[in-house]
């Protein structure tokens, strides 16, 4: 109980974000035609999630007004390169959480904030 077990990503261009997350993280994403809205189910190696149509426009430069998820990756630098080559933008550059991991934040093509981290006990400033 009281654990995060599902996530949703809003998008103003669902097909673009479907391709972005498939290419960056290799997630399995399929349209759920049983839903009354455009809704894509996401399967990861961890929790399940979805992509859905954004109900209102994004307010430019407003910061994050929702939960921000971070995805554990094998290689921070390789994943960062993949994010950038697929239209993502750095929101907060790579930094060390000493003795734990390398962390950083990005924006997807629809300006959603997400983090990635690579576990590394030797991470230091």
N, C-alpha and C. Protein backbone atom coordinates (compact mmCIF):
# COMPACT_ATOMS: atom_id res chain seq x y z
N UNK A 1 0.83 -1.19 0.00
CA UNK A 1 0.00 0.00 0.00
C UNK A 1 0.88 1.26 0.00
N UNK A 2 0.32 2.32 -0.45
CA UNK A 2 0.96 3.63 -0.47
C UNK A 2 2.25 3.66 -1.30
N UNK A 3 2.31 2.81 -2.32
CA UNK A 3 3.45 2.79 -3.23
C UNK A 3 3.03 3.29 -4.59
N UNK A 4 3.95 3.93 -5.29
CA UNK A 4 3.66 4.34 -6.66
C UNK A 4 3.69 3.09 -7.53
N UNK A 5 2.56 2.78 -8.18
CA UNK A 5 2.47 1.57 -8.98
C UNK A 5 2.01 1.83 -10.41
N UNK A 6 1.73 3.09 -10.74
CA UNK A 6 1.25 3.42 -12.08
C UNK A 6 1.58 4.88 -12.36
N UNK A 7 1.91 5.18 -13.60
CA UNK A 7 2.20 6.57 -13.95
C UNK A 7 1.50 6.92 -15.26
N UNK A 8 1.26 8.20 -15.47
CA UNK A 8 0.69 8.68 -16.71
C UNK A 8 1.48 9.88 -17.20
N UNK A 9 1.68 9.92 -18.51
CA UNK A 9 2.39 11.03 -19.16
C UNK A 9 1.38 11.69 -20.09
N UNK A 10 1.20 12.99 -19.95
CA UNK A 10 0.29 13.71 -20.83
C UNK A 10 1.06 14.21 -22.05
N UNK A 11 0.35 14.31 -23.19
CA UNK A 11 1.00 14.74 -24.42
C UNK A 11 0.01 15.45 -25.34
N UNK A 12 0.51 16.46 -26.03
CA UNK A 12 -0.30 17.13 -27.05
C UNK A 12 -0.09 16.48 -28.42
N UNK A 13 0.84 15.50 -28.49
CA UNK A 13 1.10 14.77 -29.75
C UNK A 13 1.47 13.33 -29.37
N UNK A 14 0.46 12.52 -29.15
CA UNK A 14 0.68 11.18 -28.62
C UNK A 14 1.62 10.32 -29.45
N UNK A 15 1.45 10.33 -30.77
CA UNK A 15 2.30 9.49 -31.60
C UNK A 15 3.77 9.86 -31.46
N UNK A 16 4.06 11.16 -31.33
CA UNK A 16 5.45 11.61 -31.15
C UNK A 16 6.03 11.08 -29.84
N UNK A 17 5.27 11.20 -28.75
CA UNK A 17 5.77 10.72 -27.45
C UNK A 17 5.86 9.20 -27.40
N UNK A 18 4.94 8.49 -28.08
CA UNK A 18 5.03 7.04 -28.16
C UNK A 18 6.39 6.66 -28.74
N UNK A 19 6.75 7.27 -29.87
CA UNK A 19 8.03 6.97 -30.51
C UNK A 19 9.22 7.38 -29.64
N UNK A 20 9.13 8.54 -29.00
CA UNK A 20 10.21 9.02 -28.14
C UNK A 20 10.51 8.01 -27.03
N UNK A 21 9.50 7.60 -26.27
CA UNK A 21 9.72 6.70 -25.14
C UNK A 21 10.09 5.28 -25.57
N UNK A 22 9.58 4.84 -26.72
CA UNK A 22 10.00 3.54 -27.25
C UNK A 22 11.49 3.57 -27.59
N UNK A 23 11.92 4.63 -28.28
CA UNK A 23 13.32 4.73 -28.71
C UNK A 23 14.27 4.95 -27.54
N UNK A 24 13.89 5.78 -26.59
CA UNK A 24 14.78 6.10 -25.49
C UNK A 24 14.90 4.96 -24.47
N UNK A 25 13.77 4.38 -24.06
CA UNK A 25 13.79 3.38 -23.00
C UNK A 25 13.40 1.98 -23.45
N UNK A 26 12.97 1.82 -24.70
CA UNK A 26 12.58 0.50 -25.18
C UNK A 26 11.28 0.00 -24.59
N UNK A 27 10.43 0.92 -24.11
CA UNK A 27 9.16 0.52 -23.51
C UNK A 27 8.22 -0.03 -24.56
N UNK A 28 7.40 -1.00 -24.16
CA UNK A 28 6.33 -1.52 -25.01
C UNK A 28 5.12 -0.60 -24.81
N UNK A 29 4.62 -0.01 -25.90
CA UNK A 29 3.51 0.94 -25.81
C UNK A 29 2.48 0.57 -26.87
N UNK A 30 1.23 0.38 -26.43
CA UNK A 30 0.16 0.01 -27.35
C UNK A 30 -1.10 0.82 -27.05
N UNK A 31 -1.81 1.20 -28.12
CA UNK A 31 -3.05 1.95 -27.97
C UNK A 31 -4.12 1.05 -27.36
N UNK A 32 -4.85 1.60 -26.37
CA UNK A 32 -5.95 0.89 -25.73
C UNK A 32 -7.25 1.43 -26.32
N UNK A 33 -7.82 0.69 -27.28
CA UNK A 33 -9.02 1.17 -27.96
C UNK A 33 -10.28 1.04 -27.11
N UNK A 34 -10.19 0.40 -25.94
CA UNK A 34 -11.35 0.27 -25.07
C UNK A 34 -11.61 1.54 -24.26
N UNK A 35 -10.65 2.47 -24.27
CA UNK A 35 -10.79 3.70 -23.49
C UNK A 35 -11.58 4.75 -24.28
N UNK A 36 -12.32 5.61 -23.57
CA UNK A 36 -13.11 6.65 -24.26
C UNK A 36 -12.27 7.84 -24.73
N UNK A 37 -10.99 7.84 -24.41
CA UNK A 37 -10.06 8.88 -24.85
C UNK A 37 -8.87 8.20 -25.52
N UNK A 38 -8.03 8.99 -26.19
CA UNK A 38 -6.80 8.42 -26.76
C UNK A 38 -5.88 8.04 -25.61
N UNK A 39 -5.59 6.77 -25.48
CA UNK A 39 -4.87 6.25 -24.32
C UNK A 39 -3.96 5.13 -24.77
N UNK A 40 -2.68 5.24 -24.44
CA UNK A 40 -1.68 4.23 -24.80
C UNK A 40 -1.13 3.60 -23.52
N UNK A 41 -1.23 2.30 -23.41
CA UNK A 41 -0.69 1.56 -22.26
C UNK A 41 0.82 1.39 -22.41
N UNK A 42 1.55 1.56 -21.30
CA UNK A 42 3.01 1.42 -21.29
C UNK A 42 3.40 0.27 -20.38
N UNK A 43 4.26 -0.61 -20.90
CA UNK A 43 4.85 -1.68 -20.08
C UNK A 43 6.34 -1.41 -19.97
N UNK A 44 6.85 -1.35 -18.74
CA UNK A 44 8.27 -1.20 -18.49
C UNK A 44 8.75 -2.45 -17.75
N UNK A 45 10.00 -2.50 -17.40
CA UNK A 45 10.49 -3.61 -16.59
C UNK A 45 10.05 -3.45 -15.14
N UNK A 46 9.52 -2.28 -14.81
CA UNK A 46 9.03 -2.00 -13.46
C UNK A 46 7.54 -1.78 -13.47
N UNK A 47 7.12 -0.59 -13.08
CA UNK A 47 5.69 -0.29 -12.99
C UNK A 47 5.08 -0.04 -14.36
N UNK A 48 3.76 -0.12 -14.42
CA UNK A 48 3.02 0.13 -15.65
C UNK A 48 2.63 1.60 -15.72
N UNK A 49 2.30 2.04 -16.93
CA UNK A 49 1.89 3.42 -17.09
C UNK A 49 1.10 3.62 -18.36
N UNK A 50 0.93 4.89 -18.74
CA UNK A 50 0.18 5.22 -19.94
C UNK A 50 0.56 6.59 -20.45
N UNK A 51 0.25 6.82 -21.71
CA UNK A 51 0.32 8.13 -22.36
C UNK A 51 -1.11 8.51 -22.70
N UNK A 52 -1.49 9.74 -22.40
CA UNK A 52 -2.82 10.19 -22.73
C UNK A 52 -2.79 11.62 -23.24
N UNK A 53 -3.86 12.00 -23.93
CA UNK A 53 -3.93 13.33 -24.50
C UNK A 53 -3.96 14.39 -23.40
N UNK A 54 -3.14 15.42 -23.57
CA UNK A 54 -3.06 16.52 -22.61
C UNK A 54 -4.39 17.28 -22.63
N UNK A 55 -5.02 17.47 -21.45
CA UNK A 55 -6.32 18.13 -21.41
C UNK A 55 -6.27 19.66 -21.51
N UNK A 56 -5.10 20.24 -21.32
CA UNK A 56 -4.95 21.70 -21.36
C UNK A 56 -3.55 22.02 -21.85
N UNK A 57 -3.35 23.21 -22.42
CA UNK A 57 -2.02 23.57 -22.92
C UNK A 57 -0.98 23.64 -21.80
N UNK A 58 0.27 23.40 -22.19
CA UNK A 58 1.39 23.53 -21.26
C UNK A 58 1.66 25.01 -21.05
N UNK A 59 1.87 25.41 -19.81
CA UNK A 59 2.23 26.79 -19.51
C UNK A 59 3.75 26.90 -19.62
N UNK A 60 4.27 27.71 -20.55
CA UNK A 60 5.72 27.80 -20.74
C UNK A 60 6.45 28.25 -19.47
N UNK A 61 7.59 27.60 -19.23
CA UNK A 61 8.48 27.98 -18.13
C UNK A 61 7.78 28.05 -16.78
N UNK A 62 6.89 27.11 -16.52
CA UNK A 62 6.16 27.13 -15.25
C UNK A 62 6.75 26.18 -14.22
N UNK A 63 7.74 25.41 -14.60
CA UNK A 63 8.29 24.43 -13.66
C UNK A 63 7.39 23.21 -13.60
N UNK A 64 7.73 22.28 -12.76
CA UNK A 64 6.98 21.04 -12.64
C UNK A 64 5.82 21.23 -11.69
N UNK A 65 4.63 20.84 -12.12
CA UNK A 65 3.46 20.94 -11.24
C UNK A 65 2.80 19.58 -11.08
N UNK A 66 3.62 18.54 -11.07
CA UNK A 66 3.14 17.17 -10.91
C UNK A 66 4.28 16.35 -10.34
N UNK A 67 4.03 15.08 -10.10
CA UNK A 67 5.12 14.20 -9.69
C UNK A 67 6.10 14.06 -10.83
N UNK A 68 7.37 13.95 -10.53
CA UNK A 68 8.38 13.70 -11.54
C UNK A 68 8.96 12.32 -11.30
N UNK A 69 8.92 11.49 -12.32
CA UNK A 69 9.45 10.13 -12.23
C UNK A 69 10.89 10.11 -12.71
N UNK A 70 11.71 9.27 -12.09
CA UNK A 70 13.07 9.03 -12.54
C UNK A 70 13.21 7.57 -12.92
N UNK A 71 13.89 7.33 -14.04
CA UNK A 71 14.05 6.00 -14.58
C UNK A 71 15.49 5.55 -14.37
N UNK A 72 15.68 4.36 -13.78
CA UNK A 72 17.02 3.81 -13.61
C UNK A 72 17.50 3.30 -14.96
N UNK A 73 18.72 3.71 -15.33
CA UNK A 73 19.30 3.30 -16.61
C UNK A 73 20.66 2.66 -16.38
N UNK A 74 21.10 1.88 -17.35
CA UNK A 74 22.40 1.23 -17.25
C UNK A 74 23.54 2.24 -17.41
N UNK A 75 23.38 3.15 -18.36
CA UNK A 75 24.42 4.15 -18.62
C UNK A 75 23.78 5.52 -18.75
N UNK A 76 24.09 6.41 -17.81
CA UNK A 76 23.55 7.76 -17.85
C UNK A 76 23.93 8.45 -19.16
N UNK A 77 25.21 8.41 -19.51
CA UNK A 77 25.69 9.16 -20.67
C UNK A 77 25.08 8.65 -21.98
N UNK A 78 25.00 7.34 -22.16
CA UNK A 78 24.41 6.79 -23.38
C UNK A 78 22.93 7.14 -23.47
N UNK A 79 22.21 7.03 -22.35
CA UNK A 79 20.79 7.34 -22.35
C UNK A 79 20.58 8.83 -22.59
N UNK A 80 21.42 9.67 -22.00
CA UNK A 80 21.33 11.11 -22.24
C UNK A 80 21.50 11.42 -23.72
N UNK A 81 22.48 10.79 -24.35
CA UNK A 81 22.70 10.99 -25.79
C UNK A 81 21.47 10.57 -26.60
N UNK A 82 20.86 9.44 -26.22
CA UNK A 82 19.67 8.95 -26.92
C UNK A 82 18.50 9.92 -26.74
N UNK A 83 18.34 10.42 -25.53
CA UNK A 83 17.27 11.40 -25.26
C UNK A 83 17.46 12.63 -26.15
N UNK A 84 18.66 13.17 -26.17
CA UNK A 84 18.93 14.39 -26.94
C UNK A 84 18.78 14.16 -28.44
N UNK A 85 19.19 13.00 -28.92
CA UNK A 85 19.09 12.73 -30.36
C UNK A 85 17.66 12.43 -30.80
N UNK A 86 16.75 12.27 -29.84
CA UNK A 86 15.34 12.02 -30.16
C UNK A 86 14.44 13.19 -29.78
N UNK A 87 15.03 14.36 -29.61
CA UNK A 87 14.23 15.57 -29.39
C UNK A 87 14.06 15.99 -27.95
N UNK A 88 14.69 15.28 -27.01
CA UNK A 88 14.63 15.69 -25.61
C UNK A 88 15.59 16.84 -25.34
N UNK A 89 15.40 17.49 -24.20
CA UNK A 89 16.22 18.64 -23.81
C UNK A 89 16.67 18.45 -22.36
N UNK A 90 17.88 18.87 -22.04
CA UNK A 90 18.37 18.81 -20.66
C UNK A 90 17.65 19.87 -19.84
N UNK A 91 17.06 19.46 -18.73
CA UNK A 91 16.41 20.39 -17.80
C UNK A 91 17.34 20.70 -16.63
N UNK A 92 18.05 19.69 -16.14
CA UNK A 92 19.02 19.85 -15.06
C UNK A 92 20.15 18.86 -15.37
N UNK A 93 21.36 19.36 -15.66
CA UNK A 93 22.45 18.48 -16.08
C UNK A 93 22.82 17.42 -15.04
N UNK A 94 23.51 16.42 -15.50
CA UNK A 94 24.00 15.31 -14.68
C UNK A 94 24.71 15.84 -13.44
N UNK A 95 24.38 15.22 -12.29
CA UNK A 95 25.04 15.57 -11.03
C UNK A 95 25.14 14.31 -10.18
N UNK A 96 26.06 14.34 -9.24
CA UNK A 96 26.27 13.19 -8.36
C UNK A 96 25.40 13.30 -7.12
N UNK A 97 24.80 12.20 -6.76
CA UNK A 97 24.26 12.04 -5.41
C UNK A 97 25.30 11.15 -4.75
N UNK A 98 26.23 11.77 -3.98
CA UNK A 98 27.42 11.07 -3.50
C UNK A 98 27.15 9.71 -2.87
N UNK A 99 27.89 8.74 -3.37
CA UNK A 99 27.80 7.37 -2.87
C UNK A 99 26.56 6.62 -3.32
N UNK A 100 25.73 7.25 -4.17
CA UNK A 100 24.47 6.61 -4.60
C UNK A 100 24.38 6.46 -6.11
N UNK A 101 24.39 7.60 -6.83
CA UNK A 101 24.11 7.53 -8.26
C UNK A 101 24.45 8.84 -8.97
N UNK A 102 24.34 8.78 -10.30
CA UNK A 102 24.38 9.96 -11.16
C UNK A 102 22.94 10.25 -11.54
N UNK A 103 22.49 11.49 -11.40
CA UNK A 103 21.10 11.88 -11.63
C UNK A 103 21.07 13.06 -12.59
N UNK A 104 20.01 13.20 -13.34
CA UNK A 104 19.79 14.35 -14.20
C UNK A 104 18.34 14.39 -14.62
N UNK A 105 17.90 15.55 -15.14
CA UNK A 105 16.51 15.72 -15.55
C UNK A 105 16.44 16.25 -16.97
N UNK A 106 15.40 15.85 -17.66
CA UNK A 106 15.21 16.18 -19.07
C UNK A 106 13.76 16.58 -19.32
N UNK A 107 13.54 17.19 -20.49
CA UNK A 107 12.20 17.45 -20.98
C UNK A 107 12.00 16.58 -22.22
N UNK A 108 10.84 15.93 -22.31
CA UNK A 108 10.53 15.19 -23.54
C UNK A 108 10.05 16.20 -24.59
N UNK A 109 9.75 15.77 -25.80
CA UNK A 109 9.36 16.73 -26.84
C UNK A 109 8.10 17.56 -26.51
N UNK A 110 7.30 17.12 -25.52
CA UNK A 110 6.10 17.88 -25.14
C UNK A 110 6.31 18.64 -23.83
N UNK A 111 7.56 18.78 -23.40
CA UNK A 111 7.93 19.55 -22.21
C UNK A 111 7.60 18.86 -20.88
N UNK A 112 7.40 17.54 -20.88
CA UNK A 112 7.23 16.80 -19.63
C UNK A 112 8.59 16.57 -19.01
N UNK A 113 8.72 16.80 -17.72
CA UNK A 113 9.97 16.60 -17.00
C UNK A 113 10.06 15.14 -16.54
N UNK A 114 11.25 14.54 -16.73
CA UNK A 114 11.52 13.22 -16.18
C UNK A 114 13.00 13.15 -15.84
N UNK A 115 13.33 12.25 -14.93
CA UNK A 115 14.72 12.08 -14.54
C UNK A 115 15.24 10.73 -14.98
N UNK A 116 16.56 10.64 -15.07
CA UNK A 116 17.22 9.35 -15.22
C UNK A 116 18.33 9.28 -14.18
N UNK A 117 18.65 8.07 -13.76
CA UNK A 117 19.77 7.90 -12.85
C UNK A 117 20.48 6.59 -13.12
N UNK A 118 21.79 6.62 -12.88
CA UNK A 118 22.64 5.43 -12.99
C UNK A 118 23.22 5.17 -11.61
N UNK A 119 22.93 4.01 -11.07
CA UNK A 119 23.47 3.65 -9.75
C UNK A 119 24.98 3.56 -9.84
N UNK A 120 25.68 4.21 -8.92
CA UNK A 120 27.14 4.21 -8.87
C UNK A 120 27.57 4.62 -7.47
N UNK A 121 28.02 3.64 -6.69
CA UNK A 121 28.46 3.91 -5.32
C UNK A 121 29.65 4.86 -5.28
N UNK A 122 30.36 5.00 -6.41
CA UNK A 122 31.53 5.88 -6.47
C UNK A 122 31.20 7.28 -6.97
N UNK A 123 29.94 7.56 -7.19
CA UNK A 123 29.53 8.89 -7.67
C UNK A 123 29.92 9.93 -6.60
N UNK A 124 30.58 10.99 -7.06
CA UNK A 124 30.93 12.06 -6.15
C UNK A 124 31.07 13.36 -6.91
N UNK A 125 30.94 14.43 -6.21
CA UNK A 125 31.00 15.77 -6.80
C UNK A 125 32.39 16.06 -7.32
